[in-house]
């Protein structure tokens, strides 16, 4: 073998050995890099999910703070359980104050859900028309909500008679 062939074989062998060494060193490193890349991706998606959840929570808290002042108005719509008599007494006081004769008729409650019931309530008023209007004005100002569904006003020999058909909302708890 000539020295020229020997040099070429040595150079080719050395190049192959260097390539093998580079592959043996870099293949595990590339595998580690790919695993780290996958872990970074998973961590990023997890952080994005957490960020979105925190944004939803912040929005809920902002919305709650906006609604919080309205809570008192909402609480006044419903008559607390066992306070129905207090409500009826208050509307009777209004009728007395305006010189009206009043008949109160309460029907059986209609259960809507576990929170409240709708109680049909009919009020028959007899007296002067202007006193009935004052009564309606004061009825609108009471703490609890009386939802008037219809008003029937008639004139007879005793004066004016007004029938208010409506409903109140009573908490069950």
Protein backbone atom coordinates (compact mmCIF):
# COMPACT_ATOMS: atom_id res chain seq x y z
CA UNK A 1 0.00 0.00 0.00
CA UNK A 2 1.26 3.28 -0.87
CA UNK A 3 1.65 6.03 1.57
CA UNK A 4 -0.87 8.10 -0.30
CA UNK A 5 -3.58 5.44 0.19
CA UNK A 6 -2.63 5.08 3.83
CA UNK A 7 -3.04 8.80 4.43
CA UNK A 8 -6.42 8.82 2.66
CA UNK A 9 -7.65 5.79 4.68
CA UNK A 10 -6.40 7.40 7.92
CA UNK A 11 -8.12 10.69 7.06
CA UNK A 12 -11.36 8.89 6.11
CA UNK A 13 -11.20 6.78 9.30
CA UNK A 14 -10.56 9.86 11.43
CA UNK A 15 -13.46 11.73 9.79
CA UNK A 16 -15.78 8.73 10.35
CA UNK A 17 -14.59 8.47 13.98
CA UNK A 18 -15.18 12.21 14.53
CA UNK A 19 -18.67 11.95 12.94
CA UNK A 20 -19.48 8.95 15.17
CA UNK A 21 -18.26 10.80 18.27
CA UNK A 22 -20.32 13.88 17.33
CA UNK A 23 -23.42 11.73 16.79
CA UNK A 24 -22.92 9.81 20.05
CA UNK A 25 -22.56 13.06 21.98
CA UNK A 26 -25.26 15.10 20.19
CA UNK A 27 -28.07 12.50 19.92
CA UNK A 28 -28.68 12.30 23.71
CA UNK A 29 -28.33 16.09 23.94
CA UNK A 30 -30.88 16.57 21.14
CA UNK A 31 -33.23 14.14 22.93
CA UNK A 32 -32.84 16.15 26.15
CA UNK A 33 -33.48 19.38 24.26
CA UNK A 34 -36.68 17.94 22.74
CA UNK A 35 -37.88 16.77 26.19
CA UNK A 36 -37.18 20.23 27.65
CA UNK A 37 -38.99 21.83 24.70
CA UNK A 38 -42.04 19.62 25.38
CA UNK A 39 -41.94 20.47 29.11
CA UNK A 40 -41.74 24.19 28.31
CA UNK A 41 -44.73 23.87 25.97
CA UNK A 42 -46.79 22.05 28.62
CA UNK A 43 -45.84 24.61 31.27
CA UNK A 44 -46.76 27.48 28.94
CA UNK A 45 -50.20 26.01 28.17
CA UNK A 46 -50.77 25.41 31.89
CA UNK A 47 -49.83 29.01 32.67
CA UNK A 48 -52.14 30.27 29.91
CA UNK A 49 -55.02 28.26 31.39
CA UNK A 50 -54.28 29.63 34.86
CA UNK A 51 -54.08 33.16 33.45
CA UNK A 52 -57.45 32.77 31.71
CA UNK A 53 -59.02 31.40 34.92
CA UNK A 54 -57.64 34.34 36.88
CA UNK A 55 -59.05 36.77 34.30
CA UNK A 56 -62.47 35.12 34.58
CA UNK A 57 -62.26 35.31 38.37
CA UNK A 58 -61.30 39.01 38.20
CA UNK A 59 -64.25 39.67 35.87
CA UNK A 60 -66.60 37.85 38.23
CA UNK A 61 -65.32 39.91 41.16
CA UNK A 62 -65.73 43.16 39.18
CA UNK A 63 -69.26 42.16 38.18
CA UNK A 64 -70.07 41.27 41.79
CA UNK A 65 -68.84 44.65 42.99
CA UNK A 66 -71.05 46.36 40.42
CA UNK A 67 -74.10 44.34 41.46
CA UNK A 68 -73.45 44.57 45.20
CA UNK A 69 -75.17 47.99 45.64
CA UNK A 70 -78.28 46.55 43.98
CA UNK A 71 -78.44 43.70 46.51
CA UNK A 72 -80.36 45.82 49.02
CA UNK A 73 -82.99 46.67 46.40
CA UNK A 74 -83.21 42.99 45.50
CA UNK A 75 -83.61 42.03 49.16
CA UNK A 76 -86.50 44.48 49.48
CA UNK A 77 -88.42 42.82 46.67
CA UNK A 78 -88.94 39.71 48.76
CA UNK A 79 -90.84 39.65 52.01
CA UNK A 80 -88.95 37.55 54.56
CA UNK A 81 -90.62 34.38 55.77
CA UNK A 82 -93.10 35.05 58.60
CA UNK A 83 -93.16 38.82 57.83
CA UNK A 84 -96.28 38.72 55.65
CA UNK A 85 -98.40 40.08 58.51
CA UNK A 86 -96.01 43.01 58.85
CA UNK A 87 -96.53 43.80 55.16
CA UNK A 88 -100.33 43.59 55.47
CA UNK A 89 -100.21 45.79 58.58
CA UNK A 90 -98.20 48.41 56.72
CA UNK A 91 -100.69 48.59 53.84
CA UNK A 92 -103.57 48.75 56.33
CA UNK A 93 -101.87 51.71 58.00
CA UNK A 94 -101.62 53.43 54.61
CA UNK A 95 -105.35 52.84 54.01
CA UNK A 96 -106.22 54.23 57.45
CA UNK A 97 -104.02 57.27 56.90
CA UNK A 98 -105.91 58.06 53.69
CA UNK A 99 -109.40 57.40 55.13
CA UNK A 100 -110.01 54.33 52.99
CA UNK A 101 -111.81 51.13 53.80
CA UNK A 102 -109.67 48.20 52.72
CA UNK A 103 -110.30 44.50 52.33
CA UNK A 104 -107.25 42.28 51.93
CA UNK A 105 -107.56 38.88 50.29
CA UNK A 106 -104.53 36.59 50.27
CA UNK A 107 -104.66 33.44 48.17
CA UNK A 108 -102.51 30.33 48.37
CA UNK A 109 -98.86 30.75 47.43
CA UNK A 110 -97.59 29.58 44.08
CA UNK A 111 -94.22 27.93 44.61
CA UNK A 112 -91.71 29.01 42.00
CA UNK A 113 -88.58 27.35 43.36
CA UNK A 114 -86.77 26.66 46.63
CA UNK A 115 -86.04 30.34 47.20
CA UNK A 116 -89.35 32.18 46.94
CA UNK A 117 -93.09 31.83 46.43
CA UNK A 118 -95.54 34.13 44.66
CA UNK A 119 -98.52 35.01 46.82
CA UNK A 120 -101.58 36.45 45.01
CA UNK A 121 -102.93 39.45 46.94
CA UNK A 122 -106.11 41.38 46.15
CA UNK A 123 -106.85 44.75 47.75
CA UNK A 124 -110.34 46.31 47.63
CA UNK A 125 -110.40 49.99 48.50
CA UNK A 126 -113.42 52.21 49.12
CA UNK A 127 -113.26 55.96 49.53
CA UNK A 128 -112.53 59.19 47.73
CA UNK A 129 -110.71 58.99 44.35
CA UNK A 130 -107.96 61.41 45.42
CA UNK A 131 -107.38 59.36 48.59
CA UNK A 132 -107.04 56.21 46.47
CA UNK A 133 -104.42 57.96 44.34
CA UNK A 134 -102.52 59.02 47.49
CA UNK A 135 -102.78 55.42 48.72
CA UNK A 136 -101.29 54.14 45.46
CA UNK A 137 -98.46 56.67 45.74
CA UNK A 138 -97.66 55.56 49.30
CA UNK A 139 -98.02 51.88 48.31
CA UNK A 140 -95.29 52.47 45.74
CA UNK A 141 -92.99 53.80 48.46
CA UNK A 142 -93.22 50.91 50.95
CA UNK A 143 -90.18 48.75 51.57
CA UNK A 144 -91.47 45.56 49.99
CA UNK A 145 -92.64 45.12 46.43
CA UNK A 146 -96.31 44.65 45.54
CA UNK A 147 -96.63 43.83 41.86
CA UNK A 148 -99.97 45.18 40.63
CA UNK A 149 -101.28 43.11 37.73
CA UNK A 150 -104.54 45.01 37.22
CA UNK A 151 -106.58 47.85 38.69
CA UNK A 152 -110.35 48.04 38.44
CA UNK A 153 -111.89 51.39 39.42
CA UNK A 154 -115.64 51.87 39.64
CA UNK A 155 -117.93 54.60 40.89
CA UNK A 156 -120.92 53.68 43.05
CA UNK A 157 -123.24 55.34 45.56
CA UNK A 158 -120.71 54.96 48.41
CA UNK A 159 -117.92 56.66 46.43
CA UNK A 160 -115.13 55.17 44.42
CA UNK A 161 -114.15 51.53 44.68
CA UNK A 162 -110.77 50.29 43.45
CA UNK A 163 -109.73 46.67 43.23
CA UNK A 164 -105.99 46.00 42.97
CA UNK A 165 -105.08 42.51 41.83
CA UNK A 166 -101.44 41.72 42.30
CA UNK A 167 -98.84 39.55 43.93
CA UNK A 168 -96.12 39.66 46.53
CA UNK A 169 -92.95 37.60 46.67
CA UNK A 170 -92.17 35.73 49.89
CA UNK A 171 -88.85 34.10 50.74
CA UNK A 172 -89.11 30.50 51.89
CA UNK A 173 -86.09 30.62 54.18
